Protein backbone atom coordinates (compact mmCIF):
# COMPACT_ATOMS: atom_id res chain seq x y z
CA MET A 1 9.68 -3.90 -12.91
CA ASP A 2 6.73 -5.68 -14.46
CA VAL A 3 4.43 -7.71 -12.23
CA THR A 4 1.94 -10.01 -13.80
CA ILE A 5 -0.71 -11.65 -11.50
CA LYS A 6 -2.70 -14.36 -12.79
CA ASP A 7 -5.54 -14.26 -10.31
CA PRO A 8 -9.16 -14.36 -11.94
CA ALA A 9 -10.30 -12.65 -8.56
CA TRP A 10 -7.68 -9.82 -8.92
CA GLU A 11 -8.44 -9.55 -12.68
CA ALA A 12 -12.12 -8.95 -11.93
CA LEU A 13 -11.29 -5.90 -9.64
CA SER A 14 -11.53 -2.28 -11.15
CA HIS A 15 -8.42 -0.32 -11.10
CA ALA A 16 -9.62 1.68 -8.10
CA GLU A 17 -10.09 -1.55 -6.30
CA LYS A 18 -6.55 -2.90 -7.11
CA ASN A 19 -5.11 0.41 -5.93
CA HIS A 20 -7.00 0.14 -2.57
CA ARG A 21 -6.17 -3.20 -1.90
CA LEU A 22 -2.19 -2.25 -2.65
CA TYR A 23 -2.62 0.68 -0.46
CA LEU A 24 -4.03 -1.47 2.34
CA SER A 25 -1.14 -3.98 1.83
CA GLN A 26 1.78 -1.39 2.01
CA LYS A 27 -0.01 0.16 5.12
CA HIS A 28 -0.04 -3.05 6.96
CA THR A 29 3.51 -3.45 5.92
CA LEU A 30 4.46 -0.12 7.56
CA GLU A 31 2.40 -1.23 10.36
CA LEU A 32 4.58 -4.54 10.80
CA PHE A 33 7.75 -2.45 10.69
CA LEU A 34 6.58 -0.24 13.41
CA GLU A 35 5.69 -2.83 15.61
CA ARG A 36 8.72 -4.54 15.21
CA GLY A 37 10.80 -1.63 15.94
CA ALA A 38 12.29 -1.56 12.31
CA ILE A 39 11.14 2.23 11.80
CA SER A 40 10.39 4.88 14.25
CA ARG A 41 6.99 6.53 14.87
CA ALA A 42 7.92 9.43 12.68
CA GLN A 43 9.08 7.25 9.78
CA PHE A 44 5.90 5.48 10.05
CA GLU A 45 3.84 8.72 9.91
CA LYS A 46 5.86 10.24 7.10
CA SER A 47 5.70 7.11 4.82
CA LEU A 48 2.05 6.66 5.71
CA ARG A 49 1.41 10.03 4.60
CA ASP A 50 3.66 10.08 1.50
CA LEU A 51 1.67 6.84 0.46
CA SER A 52 -1.90 8.24 1.08
CA GLU A 53 -1.03 11.33 -0.74
CA LYS A 54 0.35 9.38 -3.83
CA MET A 55 -2.77 7.14 -3.81
CA ASP A 56 -4.89 10.44 -3.90
CA GLU A 57 -2.81 11.60 -6.82
CA LYS A 58 -3.85 8.53 -8.71
CA ALA A 59 -7.59 8.59 -7.90
């Protein structure tokens, strides 16, 4: 899936800054799922750990 973002502020960010913002957004989504009971604490921790590891690989 190819996503194009036409936002000058987004375009001005470095690759690392974009990755960091995407990470924070995905982490927030996981937190919302946990708060609403859509996932268990164990699922949240595993997903967050996996996300963090993937972001470290891209750094």
